[in-house]
N, C-alpha and C. Protein backbone atom coordinates (compact mmCIF):
# COMPACT_ATOMS: atom_id res chain seq x y z
N UNK A 1 0.80 -1.19 0.16
CA UNK A 1 0.20 0.03 0.15
C UNK A 1 0.54 1.39 -0.13
N UNK A 2 1.83 1.10 0.72
CA UNK A 2 3.06 2.34 0.82
C UNK A 2 3.32 2.62 -0.50
N UNK A 3 3.86 1.52 -1.13
CA UNK A 3 4.95 1.45 -2.04
C UNK A 3 3.36 2.25 -3.51
N UNK A 4 2.80 1.47 -3.19
CA UNK A 4 1.08 2.01 -4.47
C UNK A 4 1.06 3.47 -4.28
N UNK A 5 1.19 4.30 -3.01
CA UNK A 5 0.99 5.70 -2.76
C UNK A 5 2.26 6.65 -2.95
N UNK A 6 3.01 5.74 -3.11
CA UNK A 6 4.12 6.89 -3.32
C UNK A 6 4.28 6.39 -4.80
N UNK A 7 4.07 5.34 -5.58
CA UNK A 7 4.00 5.34 -6.90
C UNK A 7 2.65 6.39 -7.63
N UNK A 8 1.71 6.72 -6.85
CA UNK A 8 0.51 8.04 -7.53
C UNK A 8 1.71 9.37 -6.96
N UNK A 9 2.27 9.18 -5.49
CA UNK A 9 2.39 10.91 -5.86
C UNK A 9 4.14 11.30 -6.91
N UNK A 10 4.42 9.96 -6.82
CA UNK A 10 5.54 10.59 -8.38
C UNK A 10 5.19 10.93 -9.36
N UNK A 11 4.12 9.85 -9.85
CA UNK A 11 3.16 10.25 -11.02
C UNK A 11 2.84 12.03 -11.20
N UNK A 12 2.04 12.09 -9.94
CA UNK A 12 2.04 13.12 -9.65
C UNK A 12 2.71 14.52 -10.21
N UNK A 13 4.00 14.10 -9.65
CA UNK A 13 5.06 15.27 -9.50
C UNK A 13 5.48 14.99 -11.11
N UNK A 14 5.61 14.13 -12.04
CA UNK A 14 5.90 14.03 -13.51
C UNK A 14 4.71 14.90 -13.68
N UNK A 15 3.25 14.66 -13.55
CA UNK A 15 2.25 15.50 -14.66
C UNK A 15 2.63 16.70 -14.05
N UNK A 16 3.25 17.40 -13.11
CA UNK A 16 3.47 18.68 -12.98
C UNK A 16 4.29 19.19 -13.39
N UNK A 17 5.57 18.44 -14.04
CA UNK A 17 6.46 18.67 -14.19
C UNK A 17 6.80 18.64 -15.58
N UNK A 18 5.36 18.26 -16.40
CA UNK A 18 4.91 17.59 -17.90
C UNK A 18 4.40 18.87 -18.52
N UNK A 19 3.67 19.31 -17.26
CA UNK A 19 2.92 21.13 -17.55
C UNK A 19 3.59 21.86 -16.97
N UNK A 20 5.04 21.90 -16.97
CA UNK A 20 5.18 23.08 -16.42
C UNK A 20 5.03 23.79 -14.87
N UNK A 21 4.76 23.19 -14.30
CA UNK A 21 3.76 23.73 -13.37
C UNK A 21 5.21 23.63 -12.02
N UNK A 22 5.79 23.96 -11.25
CA UNK A 22 7.29 24.11 -10.81
C UNK A 22 6.34 23.85 -9.01
N UNK A 23 5.14 23.57 -8.40
CA UNK A 23 4.41 22.78 -7.67
C UNK A 23 4.19 21.73 -7.58
N UNK A 24 4.97 20.81 -6.81
CA UNK A 24 4.83 19.26 -7.09
C UNK A 24 4.55 18.79 -5.60
N UNK A 25 3.67 18.96 -4.73
CA UNK A 25 3.16 18.74 -3.61
C UNK A 25 1.61 18.33 -4.13
N UNK A 26 0.91 18.58 -4.62
CA UNK A 26 -0.42 18.18 -5.51
C UNK A 26 -0.45 16.91 -5.51
N UNK A 27 -1.34 16.35 -5.86
CA UNK A 27 -1.33 14.93 -6.66
C UNK A 27 -2.74 14.93 -6.88
N UNK A 28 -2.52 14.88 -8.30
CA UNK A 28 -3.70 14.92 -9.64
C UNK A 28 -3.84 14.02 -10.22
N UNK A 29 -3.55 12.71 -9.69
CA UNK A 29 -4.18 11.38 -10.36
C UNK A 29 -4.60 10.67 -8.98
N UNK A 30 -6.03 9.93 -9.57
CA UNK A 30 -6.96 9.64 -8.44
C UNK A 30 -6.87 8.21 -8.61
N UNK A 31 -6.28 7.68 -8.79
CA UNK A 31 -6.26 5.91 -9.45
C UNK A 31 -5.49 5.39 -8.27
N UNK A 32 -6.48 4.59 -7.80
CA UNK A 32 -6.00 3.82 -6.17
C UNK A 32 -5.88 1.67 -6.87
N UNK A 33 -5.29 2.10 -8.40
CA UNK A 33 -5.09 0.68 -8.42
C UNK A 33 -3.38 1.02 -8.88
N UNK A 34 -2.63 -0.61 -9.58
CA UNK A 34 -1.55 -0.17 -10.71
C UNK A 34 -2.27 -0.31 -11.54
N UNK A 35 -0.87 0.08 -12.56
CA UNK A 35 -1.64 -0.35 -13.91
C UNK A 35 -1.36 -1.46 -14.54
N UNK A 36 -2.49 -1.16 -15.49
CA UNK A 36 -3.17 -2.46 -15.83
C UNK A 36 -2.01 -2.68 -17.31
N UNK A 37 -1.50 -2.11 -17.73
CA UNK A 37 -0.24 -2.34 -19.13
C UNK A 37 0.66 -2.60 -18.23
N UNK A 38 1.19 -2.58 -17.09
CA UNK A 38 2.71 -3.44 -16.62
C UNK A 38 2.97 -4.32 -17.50
N UNK A 39 2.15 -6.16 -17.16
CA UNK A 39 2.66 -7.06 -18.37
C UNK A 39 2.83 -6.73 -19.97
N UNK A 40 1.56 -5.90 -20.35
CA UNK A 40 2.04 -5.44 -21.82
C UNK A 40 3.21 -4.52 -21.85
N UNK A 41 3.15 -3.66 -20.61
CA UNK A 41 4.96 -2.54 -21.30
C UNK A 41 5.73 -3.57 -21.16
N UNK A 42 5.52 -4.42 -20.42
CA UNK A 42 7.13 -5.22 -20.41
C UNK A 42 7.04 -6.23 -21.22
N UNK A 43 6.23 -6.33 -21.63
CA UNK A 43 6.36 -7.35 -22.92
C UNK A 43 6.67 -6.66 -24.33
N UNK A 44 6.30 -5.49 -24.62
CA UNK A 44 6.36 -4.69 -25.71
C UNK A 44 7.52 -3.58 -25.74
N UNK A 45 8.01 -3.25 -24.26
CA UNK A 45 9.31 -3.08 -23.89
C UNK A 45 8.82 -1.48 -23.93
N UNK A 46 7.65 -0.60 -24.72
CA UNK A 46 7.89 0.87 -24.88
C UNK A 46 8.60 1.98 -24.08
N UNK A 47 8.70 1.66 -22.75
CA UNK A 47 10.04 2.82 -22.48
C UNK A 47 11.61 2.99 -22.90
N UNK A 48 11.93 1.36 -23.39
CA UNK A 48 13.17 1.51 -23.85
C UNK A 48 13.08 1.99 -25.48
N UNK A 49 11.89 1.45 -26.02
CA UNK A 49 11.34 2.07 -27.43
C UNK A 49 11.22 3.08 -28.03
N UNK A 50 10.83 4.13 -27.01
CA UNK A 50 10.59 5.51 -27.16
C UNK A 50 11.48 6.48 -28.23
N UNK A 51 12.74 6.03 -27.77
CA UNK A 51 14.20 6.71 -28.49
C UNK A 51 13.52 7.13 -30.07
N UNK A 52 13.28 5.97 -30.92
CA UNK A 52 13.33 5.82 -32.21
C UNK A 52 12.35 4.77 -32.57
N UNK A 53 11.25 4.78 -31.98
CA UNK A 53 10.11 3.60 -32.14
C UNK A 53 9.19 3.95 -33.60
N UNK A 54 8.72 4.98 -34.14
CA UNK A 54 8.48 4.93 -35.07
C UNK A 54 9.82 4.19 -36.02
N UNK A 55 10.57 4.68 -36.40
CA UNK A 55 11.70 4.44 -37.28
C UNK A 55 12.54 3.11 -37.20
N UNK A 56 12.43 2.73 -36.13
CA UNK A 56 13.20 1.69 -35.63
C UNK A 56 12.41 0.16 -35.86
N UNK A 57 10.71 0.43 -35.42
CA UNK A 57 9.56 -0.61 -35.12
C UNK A 57 9.02 -0.46 -35.82
N UNK A 58 8.23 0.65 -36.66
CA UNK A 58 7.14 1.04 -37.53
C UNK A 58 7.81 1.25 -38.98
N UNK A 59 8.88 1.37 -39.52
CA UNK A 59 9.40 1.59 -40.31
C UNK A 59 8.69 1.08 -41.70
N UNK A 60 8.95 -0.01 -42.16
CA UNK A 60 8.43 -1.36 -42.29
C UNK A 60 6.63 -1.42 -42.40
N UNK A 61 5.81 -0.78 -41.53
CA UNK A 61 4.69 -0.71 -41.28
C UNK A 61 3.87 -0.54 -41.77
N UNK A 62 2.88 -1.20 -43.05
CA UNK A 62 2.49 0.09 -43.92
C UNK A 62 1.09 0.13 -43.06
N UNK A 63 0.55 -0.31 -42.52
CA UNK A 63 -0.79 -0.20 -41.75
C UNK A 63 -0.86 0.75 -41.06
N UNK A 64 0.44 1.20 -40.31
CA UNK A 64 0.52 1.87 -38.97
C UNK A 64 0.91 2.91 -40.08
N UNK A 65 1.50 3.33 -40.97
CA UNK A 65 1.58 4.42 -41.61
C UNK A 65 0.19 4.68 -42.58
N UNK A 66 -0.38 3.93 -42.85
CA UNK A 66 -1.77 4.20 -43.59
C UNK A 66 -2.66 5.29 -42.33
N UNK A 67 -2.75 4.23 -41.23
CA UNK A 67 -3.98 4.58 -40.38
C UNK A 67 -3.16 6.27 -40.24
N UNK A 68 -1.91 6.40 -39.71
CA UNK A 68 -1.76 7.44 -39.84
C UNK A 68 -1.49 8.98 -40.66
N UNK A 69 -1.88 8.55 -41.90
CA UNK A 69 -2.05 8.88 -42.81
C UNK A 69 -3.61 9.54 -42.93
N UNK A 70 -4.07 8.64 -42.59
CA UNK A 70 -5.66 8.53 -42.71
C UNK A 70 -6.56 9.58 -41.51
N UNK A 71 -5.48 9.52 -40.10
CA UNK A 71 -5.96 10.00 -39.26
C UNK A 71 -5.28 11.92 -39.47
N UNK A 72 -4.26 11.99 -40.08
CA UNK A 72 -4.08 13.30 -39.84
C UNK A 72 -4.98 14.07 -41.07
N UNK A 73 -5.55 13.22 -42.15
CA UNK A 73 -6.44 13.48 -43.29
C UNK A 73 -7.93 14.38 -42.22
N UNK A 74 -7.85 13.47 -41.64
CA UNK A 74 -9.21 13.89 -40.36
C UNK A 74 -8.65 15.13 -39.78
N UNK A 75 -7.90 14.79 -39.05
CA UNK A 75 -7.11 16.79 -38.35
C UNK A 75 -7.48 17.39 -39.57
N UNK A 76 -7.13 17.72 -40.99
CA UNK A 76 -7.16 18.21 -41.50
C UNK A 76 -8.50 19.18 -41.84
N UNK A 77 -9.61 18.82 -41.00
CA UNK A 77 -11.14 19.57 -41.21
C UNK A 77 -10.98 19.79 -39.90
N UNK A 78 -10.57 19.81 -38.83
CA UNK A 78 -10.46 20.49 -37.71
C UNK A 78 -10.49 21.26 -37.17
N UNK A 79 -11.29 22.61 -36.67
CA UNK A 79 -11.05 23.50 -35.82
C UNK A 79 -9.82 23.49 -35.24
N UNK A 80 -8.64 24.66 -35.69
CA UNK A 80 -7.15 24.73 -35.10
C UNK A 80 -7.38 24.85 -33.57
N UNK A 81 -8.34 25.29 -33.09
CA UNK A 81 -8.34 25.68 -31.61
C UNK A 81 -9.26 25.04 -30.95
N UNK A 82 -9.95 23.60 -31.34
CA UNK A 82 -10.77 22.65 -30.59
C UNK A 82 -9.26 22.01 -29.70
N UNK A 83 -10.27 21.51 -28.82
CA UNK A 83 -9.46 20.66 -27.28
C UNK A 83 -9.54 19.75 -27.70
N UNK A 84 -8.12 19.13 -28.14
CA UNK A 84 -7.96 17.59 -28.45
C UNK A 84 -7.01 17.19 -27.16
N UNK A 85 -7.69 15.52 -27.23
CA UNK A 85 -6.82 14.95 -26.37
C UNK A 85 -6.91 13.27 -27.20
N UNK A 86 -5.38 12.98 -27.18
CA UNK A 86 -4.87 12.10 -28.03
C UNK A 86 -4.57 11.04 -27.39
N UNK A 87 -5.00 9.63 -27.18
CA UNK A 87 -5.44 8.92 -25.69
C UNK A 87 -3.86 7.79 -26.83
N UNK A 88 -3.44 7.48 -25.84
CA UNK A 88 -2.26 6.61 -26.62
C UNK A 88 -0.83 7.16 -27.49
N UNK A 89 -0.86 8.74 -26.77
CA UNK A 89 -0.06 9.38 -28.21
C UNK A 89 1.17 9.02 -28.42
N UNK A 90 1.71 8.30 -27.47
CA UNK A 90 3.07 7.95 -27.61
C UNK A 90 4.07 9.05 -28.11
N UNK A 91 4.99 8.60 -29.01
CA UNK A 91 5.37 9.64 -29.69
C UNK A 91 5.21 10.87 -29.90
N UNK A 92 4.28 11.23 -30.81
CA UNK A 92 2.93 12.15 -30.66
C UNK A 92 3.81 12.44 -32.75
N UNK A 93 4.19 11.24 -33.02
CA UNK A 93 3.79 10.57 -34.69
C UNK A 93 3.00 11.31 -35.55
N UNK A 94 2.11 11.59 -35.45
CA UNK A 94 0.70 11.82 -35.69
C UNK A 94 0.37 13.47 -35.54
N UNK A 95 1.40 14.08 -34.40
CA UNK A 95 1.23 15.81 -34.50
C UNK A 95 2.78 15.88 -35.16
N UNK A 96 3.61 15.17 -35.82
CA UNK A 96 4.71 15.96 -36.49
C UNK A 96 4.55 16.66 -37.08
N UNK A 97 4.68 17.89 -37.07
CA UNK A 97 5.38 18.65 -37.68
C UNK A 97 3.55 20.04 -37.86
N UNK A 98 2.90 19.49 -36.84
CA UNK A 98 1.67 20.38 -36.86
C UNK A 98 1.37 21.30 -35.50
N UNK A 99 2.65 22.06 -36.24
CA UNK A 99 2.26 23.36 -34.77
C UNK A 99 1.20 24.16 -34.66
N UNK A 100 -0.18 23.92 -36.09
CA UNK A 100 -1.04 24.84 -36.06
C UNK A 100 -1.88 24.23 -35.35
N UNK A 101 -1.89 23.24 -34.40
CA UNK A 101 -2.46 23.29 -33.46
C UNK A 101 -2.21 23.37 -31.76
N UNK A 102 -3.10 24.61 -31.54
CA UNK A 102 -2.27 24.47 -30.13
C UNK A 102 -3.36 24.27 -28.90
N UNK A 103 -4.22 23.30 -29.09
CA UNK A 103 -4.66 22.42 -27.49
C UNK A 103 -5.42 21.21 -27.44
N UNK A 104 -4.11 20.51 -27.82
CA UNK A 104 -3.59 19.22 -27.90
C UNK A 104 -2.97 18.61 -26.65
N UNK A 105 -3.76 17.59 -25.60
CA UNK A 105 -3.27 16.52 -24.67
C UNK A 105 -3.14 15.21 -25.09
N UNK A 106 -1.50 15.22 -24.93
CA UNK A 106 -1.09 13.84 -25.61
C UNK A 106 -1.38 13.10 -23.81
N UNK A 107 -1.98 12.10 -23.88
CA UNK A 107 -2.01 10.90 -23.03
C UNK A 107 -1.17 9.24 -23.64
N UNK A 108 -0.41 9.05 -21.88
CA UNK A 108 0.41 7.89 -22.63
C UNK A 108 0.65 7.41 -21.38
N UNK A 109 0.79 6.14 -20.88
CA UNK A 109 0.97 5.79 -19.81
C UNK A 109 2.39 5.41 -19.79
N UNK A 110 3.54 5.94 -20.51
CA UNK A 110 5.15 5.65 -20.77
C UNK A 110 5.58 7.15 -20.50
N UNK A 111 6.61 7.40 -19.64
CA UNK A 111 7.15 8.46 -19.55
C UNK A 111 8.20 8.98 -20.73
N UNK A 112 8.67 8.04 -21.22
CA UNK A 112 9.77 8.44 -22.23
C UNK A 112 9.00 8.40 -23.35
N UNK A 113 8.06 7.49 -23.63
CA UNK A 113 7.20 7.80 -25.01
C UNK A 113 6.72 9.84 -24.96
N UNK A 114 6.47 10.30 -23.66
CA UNK A 114 6.04 11.49 -23.57
C UNK A 114 7.28 12.57 -23.71
N UNK A 115 8.22 12.09 -22.64
CA UNK A 115 9.20 12.80 -23.28
C UNK A 115 9.71 13.07 -24.86
N UNK A 116 10.13 11.93 -25.51
CA UNK A 116 10.56 12.11 -26.95
C UNK A 116 8.58 12.64 -27.87
N UNK A 117 8.17 12.62 -27.29
CA UNK A 117 7.11 13.22 -27.38
C UNK A 117 7.12 14.72 -27.67
N UNK A 118 7.75 15.53 -26.97
CA UNK A 118 8.12 16.92 -27.13
C UNK A 118 9.26 17.39 -28.66
N UNK A 119 9.64 16.62 -28.70
CA UNK A 119 10.95 16.87 -29.72
C UNK A 119 9.51 16.70 -30.90
N UNK A 120 8.57 15.78 -31.25
CA UNK A 120 7.74 16.20 -32.29
C UNK A 120 6.46 17.04 -32.53
N UNK A 121 6.20 17.22 -31.08
CA UNK A 121 5.17 18.33 -30.87
C UNK A 121 5.65 18.87 -29.49
N UNK A 122 6.18 19.95 -29.86
CA UNK A 122 6.68 20.52 -28.61
C UNK A 122 5.67 21.46 -28.01
N UNK A 123 4.42 21.77 -29.01
CA UNK A 123 3.24 22.47 -28.64
C UNK A 123 2.28 21.81 -27.38
N UNK A 124 2.26 20.36 -27.72
CA UNK A 124 0.73 19.92 -26.82
C UNK A 124 1.52 19.37 -25.53
N UNK A 125 0.15 19.47 -24.78
CA UNK A 125 0.82 19.38 -23.20
C UNK A 125 0.26 17.81 -23.20
N UNK A 126 1.06 17.11 -22.14
CA UNK A 126 1.72 15.88 -21.75
C UNK A 126 1.25 15.28 -20.64
N UNK A 127 0.54 14.36 -20.71
CA UNK A 127 0.15 13.40 -19.40
C UNK A 127 -0.01 11.94 -19.24
N UNK A 128 1.29 11.98 -18.49
CA UNK A 128 1.16 10.65 -17.75
C UNK A 128 -0.41 9.82 -16.90
N UNK A 129 -0.55 9.17 -18.04
CA UNK A 129 -1.66 8.45 -17.18
C UNK A 129 -2.50 7.56 -17.84
N UNK A 130 -3.07 6.43 -17.39
CA UNK A 130 -3.20 5.03 -18.08
C UNK A 130 -4.74 5.37 -18.17
N UNK A 131 -4.49 5.21 -20.03
CA UNK A 131 -7.01 5.15 -20.29
C UNK A 131 -7.40 4.50 -19.19
N UNK A 132 -6.89 3.75 -18.40
CA UNK A 132 -7.84 2.65 -17.79
C UNK A 132 -8.13 3.50 -16.19
N UNK A 133 -7.21 4.24 -16.24
CA UNK A 133 -8.00 4.80 -14.88
C UNK A 133 -9.15 5.50 -15.10
N UNK A 134 -9.71 5.80 -13.51
CA UNK A 134 -11.17 6.64 -13.64
C UNK A 134 -11.05 7.92 -14.55
N UNK A 135 -12.18 8.30 -15.03
CA UNK A 135 -12.17 9.43 -14.93
C UNK A 135 -12.42 10.38 -13.76
N UNK A 136 -11.72 11.83 -13.76
CA UNK A 136 -12.23 12.81 -12.82
C UNK A 136 -13.61 13.58 -13.15
N UNK A 137 -14.38 13.90 -12.18
CA UNK A 137 -14.84 14.91 -12.57
C UNK A 137 -14.56 16.13 -13.48
N UNK A 138 -13.48 16.70 -13.02
CA UNK A 138 -12.81 17.62 -13.96
C UNK A 138 -12.36 16.98 -15.73
N UNK A 139 -12.39 15.92 -15.73
CA UNK A 139 -11.51 15.41 -17.45
C UNK A 139 -13.37 15.61 -17.46
N UNK A 140 -14.44 14.81 -17.14
CA UNK A 140 -15.58 14.69 -18.14
C UNK A 140 -15.88 15.20 -18.94
N UNK A 141 -16.37 14.94 -20.29
CA UNK A 141 -17.03 15.62 -21.67
C UNK A 141 -16.28 17.26 -21.43
N UNK A 142 -14.74 17.13 -21.27
CA UNK A 142 -14.28 18.19 -21.53
C UNK A 142 -12.95 18.64 -22.86
N UNK A 143 -13.61 17.25 -24.29
CA UNK A 143 -12.83 17.42 -25.16
C UNK A 143 -13.64 17.60 -25.65
N UNK A 144 -13.75 18.78 -27.28
CA UNK A 144 -13.71 18.09 -28.35
C UNK A 144 -13.62 17.41 -29.55
N UNK A 145 -12.62 16.65 -28.86
CA UNK A 145 -12.21 15.48 -29.63
C UNK A 145 -11.38 14.70 -29.22
N UNK A 146 -11.15 13.37 -29.20
CA UNK A 146 -10.52 12.44 -28.76
C UNK A 146 -10.57 11.49 -29.77
N UNK A 147 -9.06 11.75 -30.30
CA UNK A 147 -8.44 10.62 -31.00
C UNK A 147 -7.10 10.06 -30.13
N UNK A 148 -7.63 8.51 -31.04
CA UNK A 148 -6.71 7.61 -30.21
C UNK A 148 -6.06 6.73 -31.46
N UNK A 149 -5.14 6.78 -31.94
CA UNK A 149 -4.74 5.87 -33.14
C UNK A 149 -3.90 4.54 -32.65
N UNK A 150 -3.75 3.32 -32.70
CA UNK A 150 -2.82 2.16 -32.71
C UNK A 150 -2.82 2.10 -30.80
N UNK A 151 -3.76 2.22 -30.00
CA UNK A 151 -4.12 1.76 -28.94
C UNK A 151 -4.37 0.82 -28.27
N UNK A 152 -5.35 0.37 -28.88
CA UNK A 152 -6.13 -0.87 -28.15
C UNK A 152 -5.55 -2.11 -28.78
N UNK A 153 -5.22 -1.97 -29.59
CA UNK A 153 -4.16 -3.75 -29.89
C UNK A 153 -3.12 -4.25 -29.06
N UNK A 154 -2.96 -3.01 -27.71
CA UNK A 154 -1.65 -3.54 -26.88
C UNK A 154 -2.65 -3.43 -25.40
N UNK A 155 -3.66 -4.03 -25.64
CA UNK A 155 -4.64 -3.71 -24.55
C UNK A 155 -5.35 -5.12 -24.46
N UNK A 156 -5.70 -5.91 -23.65
CA UNK A 156 -6.22 -7.13 -23.42
C UNK A 156 -7.74 -6.53 -23.83
N UNK A 157 -8.36 -7.96 -24.96
CA UNK A 157 -10.13 -7.59 -24.79
C UNK A 157 -10.73 -6.91 -23.77
N UNK A 158 -10.47 -8.04 -22.29
CA UNK A 158 -11.28 -7.51 -21.73
C UNK A 158 -11.18 -6.11 -20.95
N UNK A 159 -10.18 -5.30 -21.19
CA UNK A 159 -9.87 -3.91 -21.05
C UNK A 159 -10.05 -3.03 -22.07
N UNK A 160 -10.66 -3.23 -23.20
CA UNK A 160 -10.63 -2.53 -24.18
C UNK A 160 -12.01 -1.83 -23.78
N UNK A 161 -13.06 -1.90 -23.24
CA UNK A 161 -14.09 -1.72 -22.71
C UNK A 161 -14.46 -1.05 -22.14
N UNK A 162 -13.74 -0.66 -21.13
CA UNK A 162 -13.58 -0.14 -19.79
C UNK A 162 -12.31 1.49 -20.27
N UNK A 163 -11.55 1.03 -21.52
CA UNK A 163 -10.66 1.89 -21.69
C UNK A 163 -12.09 2.91 -23.35
N UNK A 164 -12.81 2.50 -23.96
CA UNK A 164 -13.51 3.35 -24.58
C UNK A 164 -14.73 3.91 -24.02
N UNK A 165 -15.21 3.40 -22.51
CA UNK A 165 -16.00 4.28 -22.01
C UNK A 165 -15.20 5.29 -21.71
N UNK A 166 -13.96 5.21 -21.31
CA UNK A 166 -13.66 6.61 -20.34
C UNK A 166 -13.37 7.47 -21.34
N UNK A 167 -12.78 7.16 -22.89
CA UNK A 167 -12.64 8.30 -24.20
C UNK A 167 -14.00 8.34 -23.85
N UNK A 168 -14.91 7.65 -24.26
CA UNK A 168 -16.52 8.41 -24.30
C UNK A 168 -16.71 9.32 -23.42
N UNK A 169 -16.69 9.47 -22.08
CA UNK A 169 -16.85 10.04 -20.89
C UNK A 169 -15.82 11.56 -21.07
N UNK A 170 -14.92 11.12 -21.24
CA UNK A 170 -14.05 12.62 -21.45
C UNK A 170 -14.28 13.53 -23.02
N UNK A 171 -15.36 12.94 -23.90
CA UNK A 171 -15.81 13.60 -24.70
C UNK A 171 -16.90 14.61 -24.17
N UNK A 172 -16.58 15.25 -25.10
CA UNK A 172 -17.97 16.50 -24.83
C UNK A 172 -18.96 15.97 -25.46
N UNK A 173 -20.90 16.47 -25.30
CA UNK A 173 -21.75 15.17 -25.30
C UNK A 173 -21.81 15.45 -26.94
N UNK A 174 -21.25 16.74 -27.63
CA UNK A 174 -21.10 16.53 -29.05
C UNK A 174 -20.21 16.77 -29.63
N UNK A 175 -19.45 15.94 -29.02
CA UNK A 175 -17.68 16.02 -29.34
C UNK A 175 -17.63 14.72 -30.69
N UNK A 176 -16.25 14.97 -31.14
CA UNK A 176 -15.85 13.11 -31.60
C UNK A 176 -15.11 12.67 -31.15
N UNK A 177 -14.97 11.48 -31.55
CA UNK A 177 -13.99 10.12 -31.07
C UNK A 177 -13.94 9.57 -31.96
N UNK A 178 -12.44 9.74 -32.17
CA UNK A 178 -11.91 9.15 -33.55
C UNK A 178 -11.04 8.22 -33.67
């Protein structure tokens, strides 16, 4: 229990650092359970892959690149000031060279991925959080667009429903889930 409490405090401090907030004494995340992705993350080793994830692991993946191209076409039709959440945004390859978007939050459960995200999309706000963590009242119905590319295939089927419901819950009532 003490280790879990320490993990929550460290995660909160990291999120405040990512947000540029010098104060690290508030707890930002309310989750009281360990991350469900730990086994998947250790198998996939996302933390170690972060530095050259797309170039090294997805260079030849035509489905990945086609999916990103399709998502980029979707972005072309959006208001540049829309409040957007990219769940599982990783290194922000989707947002590379998209400084025209001003209000994007990148959510990922890998700190190294989020740190490299800064290189691809410096304008994005980065948040360390698991999409399976409960949605807070502050987060509920707060995004015009929720986008997630290539997240669900990393998750066990029984957890995909929870993640999808959480993404629906953070989307505004008339918002878009992509």
